[in-house]
Every structure is written in structure tokens, then in C-alpha cells.
């Protein structure tokens, strides 16, 4: 169980950059609750700024529910939750990176780290693509402390190509940089009790000088962690009865009536969609790993 603070802090076009000058006033606060159960079952509720998103996996399928999309399934096989990878589930993190490639070393906040890299292969990208939305690249870098072996920083880059009928292709690049802090033992397991993410959503491709870039920040703290929770059963991970098939492309373009909003409101909307609704996947050396934010 934890608390989060989110803020759309910058919106950029080809002609100008607009920064949010009222950071304290415009910060959205909320909280989340996450349950996990072996094998491959999880459920999360996240409420921020008057909106509530919940998602889950029953070990066979992943589903999501957001106010702007309703309940829908996510294409592809099951995958762990990205929020759990952010210092809350060391065992899943270790299994994800066990076959990763070490590409060097770097200091993160004064701490010497090894850099481990994971890349999705073309077959995995194809499985996650749907309709006009083609996922062309996904790369994940994990920075692990040389002293403790713990994950202290994570960089996630994800590129989607959307081909409209009779028009130019549009590209959406989502980059998430997460720093994990305040590791403390809980029943002998080291858990990160706070962290900070910067999400950048970059849209380009329609015209040579046309692009938009939105930056959003999120800070979180963990208030409670418990293992072997009494009463937790597979019934807690049953998906909603009104599920429908969903596509990542559904959240990439706003409906026509939304386009009249101010650029700051539009930036905040898109950033929240990116932060709350994006899902990710990868495969390295035959090991499939997938994440849901």
C-alpha cells in the first residue's frame, strides 16, 4: 500500500516550450494498493486526481479498467506489474534480468552500478502489436548497485508506430526513468519504500517540423508491506464480467471533441494516460518478460 503524487510539468511543441509554473498547486495526489499471489496473479487499484484505474492478472490474462476506456483485456501473454518491479518484488526483478547483458558501469547518486540491458526481439514486438499500432522497439536498462545488488534505477524506452488510413504514420515514444530509494527489510526481504519517476511522451512523424513532447513526474512512498496475507485467494483476482478486447492504439489519439482543450489540459491528459495505462513487453534470449504499469 502506498501514496503517489503526479504532475504534468512540461509541454513542448516545435515552436515553443510551456512549463508548469504552479507545481505545488497542480500536483495530483492519490494512493494505490497492490496484491500479488503465485503463480503470476496480481491486482492493483490506483486512484489519483479524482480518477481511478484498476488492473489485474488471473494467471491467464491481463485486464485493465480506466474511466476513459472501461474494462478491457490487454493483448499477449501474462506479465508482471511494472510498479512491482520498482523495488517491491525482488524475486521477479531477478528473474527478469537473469539473462540480461551487462553493458557497462555508471554512478547513480554516488553509487557504483552495473548496467544490465534487455531488448525485445521482433517476434515479441509482433505479438504485442495490434491493428494500426505497431510496437517497433522496447529497451529496458536496469542499474544494480555493485555493493548491495539491489536495483536502484531503471530506464524504459518504448516506441509505437501508428499508421492512419490515407495519412502519414505517427510515432509515440514513451520513456520512463525511475529511481528507487529507501530500501528497508520487511520479513527479511529488502523493499524500496520510496521512488521517483519521470515519464516523457514524445509524438512525432506527421510533418518534418511537427512534434509534441509531454513530461510528467511521479513520486511515491510505500506505507505498508505484508507477506502471506490471510484470506488472499484466487477469487481476489477474478477479472470483471464485462471485459472487452482492447488496443494500445485506443489511448494514443484523443477523440475530436477533446482537441479543443487547452494545451496544458491536453498535456496532462496524455501524460496520465501514458503513466497509468501503458503496458510493456520484452523478450531476451528466449525468455519472455512483460510489464504492466
Protein backbone atom coordinates (compact mmCIF):
# COMPACT_ATOMS: atom_id res chain seq x y z
CA UNK A 1 0.00 0.00 0.00
CA UNK A 2 1.42 3.39 -0.92
CA UNK A 3 0.87 7.05 -1.77
CA UNK A 4 1.63 8.80 -5.08
CA UNK A 5 1.96 12.36 -6.32
CA UNK A 6 1.74 13.08 -10.07
CA UNK A 7 2.38 16.24 -12.05
CA UNK A 8 2.37 17.16 -15.75
CA UNK A 9 5.31 19.54 -15.63
CA UNK A 10 6.17 20.42 -19.24
CA UNK A 11 4.60 20.51 -22.70
CA UNK A 12 6.69 21.17 -25.82
CA UNK A 13 5.83 21.76 -29.47
CA UNK A 14 8.04 22.60 -32.45
CA UNK A 15 7.52 26.31 -31.78
CA UNK A 16 7.58 26.67 -28.01
CA UNK A 17 8.02 25.06 -24.60
CA UNK A 18 5.46 25.55 -21.85
CA UNK A 19 6.46 24.72 -18.29
CA UNK A 20 4.06 24.37 -15.41
CA UNK A 21 4.82 27.30 -13.09
CA UNK A 22 2.38 26.16 -10.39
CA UNK A 23 3.94 22.84 -9.45
CA UNK A 24 2.68 22.71 -5.87
CA UNK A 25 -0.86 23.76 -6.82
CA UNK A 26 -1.25 21.41 -9.79
CA UNK A 27 0.16 18.27 -8.18
CA UNK A 28 -2.34 15.41 -8.11
CA UNK A 29 -2.18 13.18 -5.02
CA UNK A 30 -3.54 9.71 -4.52
CA UNK A 31 -2.74 6.18 -3.48
CA UNK A 32 -2.52 2.61 -4.63
CA UNK A 33 -2.99 -0.89 -3.26
CA UNK A 34 -1.33 -3.93 -4.84
CA UNK A 35 -1.95 -7.61 -4.18
CA UNK A 36 0.12 -10.48 -5.60
CA UNK A 37 -0.19 -14.24 -5.46
CA UNK A 38 1.78 -17.07 -7.06
CA UNK A 39 1.74 -18.02 -9.82
CA UNK A 40 1.53 -14.81 -11.91
CA UNK A 41 -1.54 -13.29 -10.25
CA UNK A 42 -1.78 -9.63 -9.30
CA UNK A 43 -4.33 -6.87 -8.83
CA UNK A 44 -3.76 -3.13 -8.40
CA UNK A 45 -6.01 -0.15 -7.69
CA UNK A 46 -4.65 3.35 -8.31
CA UNK A 47 -6.66 6.49 -7.53
CA UNK A 48 -5.20 9.89 -8.48
CA UNK A 49 -6.82 13.28 -9.03
CA UNK A 50 -10.39 12.02 -8.99
CA UNK A 51 -9.74 9.17 -11.43
CA UNK A 52 -9.42 5.50 -10.55
CA UNK A 53 -7.63 2.87 -12.57
CA UNK A 54 -7.51 -0.78 -11.68
CA UNK A 55 -5.86 -3.69 -13.45
CA UNK A 56 -5.18 -7.33 -12.81
CA UNK A 57 -3.99 -10.69 -13.95
CA UNK A 58 -5.51 -14.05 -13.00
CA UNK A 59 -2.52 -16.01 -14.29
CA UNK A 60 -4.07 -16.43 -17.74
CA UNK A 61 -4.97 -12.94 -18.99
CA UNK A 62 -4.22 -9.32 -18.17
CA UNK A 63 -7.05 -6.80 -17.95
CA UNK A 64 -7.39 -3.09 -17.21
CA UNK A 65 -10.19 -0.71 -16.30
CA UNK A 66 -9.95 3.06 -16.79
CA UNK A 67 -12.71 5.71 -16.80
CA UNK A 68 -11.95 6.65 -20.42
CA UNK A 69 -11.88 3.04 -21.75
CA UNK A 70 -13.88 0.84 -19.41
CA UNK A 71 -12.81 -2.74 -18.74
CA UNK A 72 -10.76 -4.40 -21.49
CA UNK A 73 -8.17 -7.12 -21.95
CA UNK A 74 -4.55 -6.49 -22.85
CA UNK A 75 -3.23 -8.45 -25.80
CA UNK A 76 -0.49 -11.01 -25.26
CA UNK A 77 0.55 -13.42 -22.51
CA UNK A 78 0.63 -12.66 -18.80
CA UNK A 79 3.31 -10.36 -17.40
CA UNK A 80 4.29 -8.86 -14.04
CA UNK A 81 3.31 -5.39 -12.95
CA UNK A 82 5.87 -2.65 -13.62
CA UNK A 83 5.00 -0.97 -10.33
CA UNK A 84 6.01 -4.19 -8.57
CA UNK A 85 9.34 -4.23 -10.42
CA UNK A 86 10.05 -0.79 -8.93
CA UNK A 87 11.65 -2.26 -5.81
CA UNK A 88 8.62 -4.14 -4.47
CA UNK A 89 9.24 -7.63 -5.88
CA UNK A 90 12.98 -8.54 -5.85
CA UNK A 91 12.37 -12.13 -6.95
CA UNK A 92 10.51 -11.15 -10.14
CA UNK A 93 13.10 -8.45 -10.82
CA UNK A 94 15.91 -11.01 -10.53
CA UNK A 95 14.15 -13.47 -12.86
CA UNK A 96 13.62 -10.74 -15.46
CA UNK A 97 17.29 -9.74 -15.56
CA UNK A 98 18.88 -13.17 -15.09
CA UNK A 99 19.81 -13.44 -18.80
CA UNK A 100 20.36 -9.73 -19.43
CA UNK A 101 23.58 -8.38 -20.97
CA UNK A 102 25.91 -6.23 -18.88
CA UNK A 103 26.90 -3.22 -20.98
CA UNK A 104 28.98 -1.22 -18.51
CA UNK A 105 29.09 0.65 -15.23
CA UNK A 106 27.80 4.02 -14.04
CA UNK A 107 27.49 6.02 -10.85
CA UNK A 108 23.88 6.62 -9.77
CA UNK A 109 23.52 9.09 -6.89
CA UNK A 110 27.13 8.40 -5.92
CA UNK A 111 26.72 4.60 -6.01
CA UNK A 112 28.66 2.38 -8.41
CA UNK A 113 26.23 0.33 -10.51
CA UNK A 114 26.32 -2.35 -13.17
CA UNK A 115 24.10 -1.62 -16.20
CA UNK A 116 22.03 -4.58 -17.44
CA UNK A 117 20.20 -4.31 -20.77
CA UNK A 118 17.13 -6.15 -22.07
CA UNK A 119 15.78 -5.81 -25.63
CA UNK A 120 12.59 -7.16 -27.14
CA UNK A 121 13.02 -9.39 -30.17
CA UNK A 122 10.88 -8.87 -33.32
CA UNK A 123 8.58 -11.80 -32.55
CA UNK A 124 7.69 -10.42 -29.12
CA UNK A 125 7.04 -6.97 -30.57
CA UNK A 126 4.74 -8.50 -33.18
CA UNK A 127 2.73 -10.35 -30.52
CA UNK A 128 2.10 -7.08 -28.68
CA UNK A 129 1.17 -5.09 -31.81
CA UNK A 130 -2.43 -4.78 -32.92
CA UNK A 131 -4.24 -3.16 -35.83
CA UNK A 132 -2.67 0.15 -36.87
CA UNK A 133 -0.46 0.24 -33.76
CA UNK A 134 2.90 -1.46 -34.31
CA UNK A 135 5.37 -1.65 -31.44
CA UNK A 136 8.76 -1.24 -33.14
CA UNK A 137 11.17 -1.09 -30.18
CA UNK A 138 11.34 -1.74 -26.47
CA UNK A 139 14.53 -1.50 -24.40
CA UNK A 140 15.00 -1.69 -20.64
CA UNK A 141 18.11 -0.76 -18.66
CA UNK A 142 18.49 -1.81 -15.03
CA UNK A 143 21.12 -0.19 -12.81
CA UNK A 144 22.11 -2.55 -9.97
CA UNK A 145 24.26 -1.50 -7.03
CA UNK A 146 27.66 -3.19 -7.04
CA UNK A 147 27.63 -3.08 -3.25
CA UNK A 148 24.17 -4.45 -2.43
CA UNK A 149 22.96 -5.99 -5.72
CA UNK A 150 19.70 -4.04 -5.42
CA UNK A 151 18.01 -2.29 -8.35
CA UNK A 152 18.46 1.46 -7.82
CA UNK A 153 17.47 2.90 -11.21
CA UNK A 154 15.50 1.76 -14.26
CA UNK A 155 15.16 3.24 -17.76
CA UNK A 156 12.38 2.05 -20.05
CA UNK A 157 12.03 3.14 -23.70
CA UNK A 158 9.07 2.09 -25.85
CA UNK A 159 8.31 3.15 -29.46
CA UNK A 160 4.93 2.64 -31.17
CA UNK A 161 4.14 3.39 -34.83
CA UNK A 162 0.52 4.19 -35.74
CA UNK A 163 -0.46 4.16 -39.41
CA UNK A 164 -3.62 6.10 -40.18
CA UNK A 165 -5.72 5.33 -43.24
CA UNK A 166 -4.60 7.55 -46.11
CA UNK A 167 -2.23 9.57 -43.92
CA UNK A 168 1.28 9.67 -42.59
CA UNK A 169 2.46 7.41 -39.81
CA UNK A 170 2.61 8.86 -36.31
CA UNK A 171 5.16 7.68 -33.74
CA UNK A 172 4.74 7.68 -29.97
CA UNK A 173 7.87 7.20 -27.86
CA UNK A 174 7.36 6.66 -24.15
CA UNK A 175 10.40 6.86 -21.87
CA UNK A 176 10.21 6.20 -18.13
CA UNK A 177 13.13 6.82 -15.79
CA UNK A 178 12.61 5.50 -12.27
CA UNK A 179 14.86 5.92 -9.23
CA UNK A 180 14.31 3.61 -6.25
CA UNK A 181 15.22 4.66 -2.71
CA UNK A 182 14.91 3.84 0.98
CA UNK A 183 15.43 0.07 0.87
CA UNK A 184 14.39 -1.47 4.18
CA UNK A 185 13.92 -5.12 5.21
CA UNK A 186 10.39 -6.48 5.54
CA UNK A 187 10.41 -10.02 6.95
CA UNK A 188 13.96 -10.35 5.66
CA UNK A 189 13.18 -9.05 2.15
CA UNK A 190 14.68 -5.72 1.02
CA UNK A 191 11.87 -3.48 -0.24
CA UNK A 192 12.23 0.02 -1.73
CA UNK A 193 9.97 2.29 0.31
CA UNK A 194 10.11 5.35 -1.95
CA UNK A 195 10.92 6.35 -5.50
CA UNK A 196 10.55 8.88 -8.28
CA UNK A 197 9.74 8.54 -12.00
CA UNK A 198 9.93 10.93 -14.93
CA UNK A 199 7.71 9.99 -17.88
CA UNK A 200 8.32 11.55 -21.30
CA UNK A 201 5.74 11.09 -24.06
CA UNK A 202 7.09 12.17 -27.47
CA UNK A 203 4.81 12.30 -30.52
CA UNK A 204 6.27 12.90 -33.99
CA UNK A 205 6.15 11.90 -37.66
CA UNK A 206 3.23 13.72 -39.32
CA UNK A 207 5.31 16.60 -40.66
CA UNK A 208 9.02 17.39 -40.54
CA UNK A 209 8.61 20.23 -38.01
CA UNK A 210 5.63 18.86 -36.12
CA UNK A 211 6.05 17.17 -32.76
CA UNK A 212 4.80 17.31 -29.19
CA UNK A 213 6.56 16.28 -26.02
CA UNK A 214 4.96 15.92 -22.59
CA UNK A 215 6.88 15.36 -19.37
CA UNK A 216 5.30 14.10 -16.20
CA UNK A 217 6.71 13.33 -12.77
CA UNK A 218 5.58 10.85 -10.17
CA UNK A 219 6.82 10.35 -6.62
CA UNK A 220 5.67 7.51 -4.42
CA UNK A 221 6.11 6.19 -0.90
CA UNK A 222 5.28 2.77 0.48
CA UNK A 223 3.29 2.74 3.70
CA UNK A 224 2.70 -0.95 4.30
CA UNK A 225 4.08 -4.27 3.04
CA UNK A 226 2.92 -7.71 4.20
CA UNK A 227 3.58 -11.27 3.08
CA UNK A 228 1.34 -14.36 3.37
CA UNK A 229 -1.78 -12.23 3.78
CA UNK A 230 -4.61 -14.20 5.47
CA UNK A 231 -7.70 -14.59 3.30
CA UNK A 232 -5.99 -13.81 -0.02
CA UNK A 233 -7.18 -16.33 -2.60
CA UNK A 234 -7.58 -16.79 -6.36
CA UNK A 235 -11.07 -15.28 -6.03
CA UNK A 236 -9.41 -11.90 -5.42
CA UNK A 237 -8.02 -11.94 -8.99
CA UNK A 238 -11.16 -12.75 -10.98
CA UNK A 239 -11.45 -10.30 -13.94
CA UNK A 240 -14.59 -8.19 -14.46
CA UNK A 241 -17.51 -9.83 -16.23
CA UNK A 242 -17.84 -7.00 -18.79
CA UNK A 243 -14.36 -7.33 -20.34
CA UNK A 244 -13.87 -6.40 -23.99
CA UNK A 245 -10.89 -6.61 -26.31
CA UNK A 246 -8.70 -3.50 -26.12
CA UNK A 247 -5.85 -1.99 -28.09
CA UNK A 248 -2.97 0.27 -27.14
CA UNK A 249 -3.92 2.48 -30.09
CA UNK A 250 -7.17 3.40 -28.34
CA UNK A 251 -5.34 5.70 -25.94
CA UNK A 252 -2.92 7.26 -28.41
CA UNK A 253 -5.27 9.71 -30.10
CA UNK A 254 -7.91 11.76 -28.31
CA UNK A 255 -11.41 12.00 -29.76
CA UNK A 256 -12.26 15.08 -31.82
CA UNK A 257 -14.10 16.86 -29.03
CA UNK A 258 -11.03 16.61 -26.78
CA UNK A 259 -8.85 18.59 -29.18
CA UNK A 260 -10.36 21.91 -28.18
CA UNK A 261 -8.93 21.73 -24.68
CA UNK A 262 -6.03 23.91 -23.61
CA UNK A 263 -2.58 22.53 -24.31
CA UNK A 264 -1.82 22.15 -20.61
CA UNK A 265 -5.02 20.16 -20.03
CA UNK A 266 -4.23 18.10 -23.12
CA UNK A 267 -0.68 17.51 -21.92
CA UNK A 268 -1.90 16.42 -18.50
CA UNK A 269 -4.45 14.06 -20.06
CA UNK A 270 -1.91 12.41 -22.34
CA UNK A 271 0.69 12.14 -19.62
CA UNK A 272 -1.78 10.49 -17.26
CA UNK A 273 -2.78 8.05 -19.99
CA UNK A 274 0.88 7.21 -20.55
CA UNK A 275 1.63 6.78 -16.88
CA UNK A 276 -1.50 4.91 -15.84
CA UNK A 277 -2.42 2.91 -18.90
CA UNK A 278 0.65 1.95 -20.97
CA UNK A 279 1.82 -1.67 -20.95
CA UNK A 280 5.18 -3.03 -21.92
CA UNK A 281 6.84 -6.26 -23.02
CA UNK A 282 10.21 -7.73 -23.89
CA UNK A 283 11.99 -10.97 -24.74
CA UNK A 284 15.70 -11.57 -24.21
CA UNK A 285 17.45 -14.79 -25.20
CA UNK A 286 14.17 -16.68 -25.43
CA UNK A 287 12.91 -15.50 -22.03
CA UNK A 288 9.69 -13.56 -22.40
CA UNK A 289 9.12 -10.82 -19.85
CA UNK A 290 6.22 -8.40 -19.92
CA UNK A 291 5.17 -5.49 -17.76
CA UNK A 292 2.03 -3.59 -16.99
CA UNK A 293 2.37 -0.16 -15.46
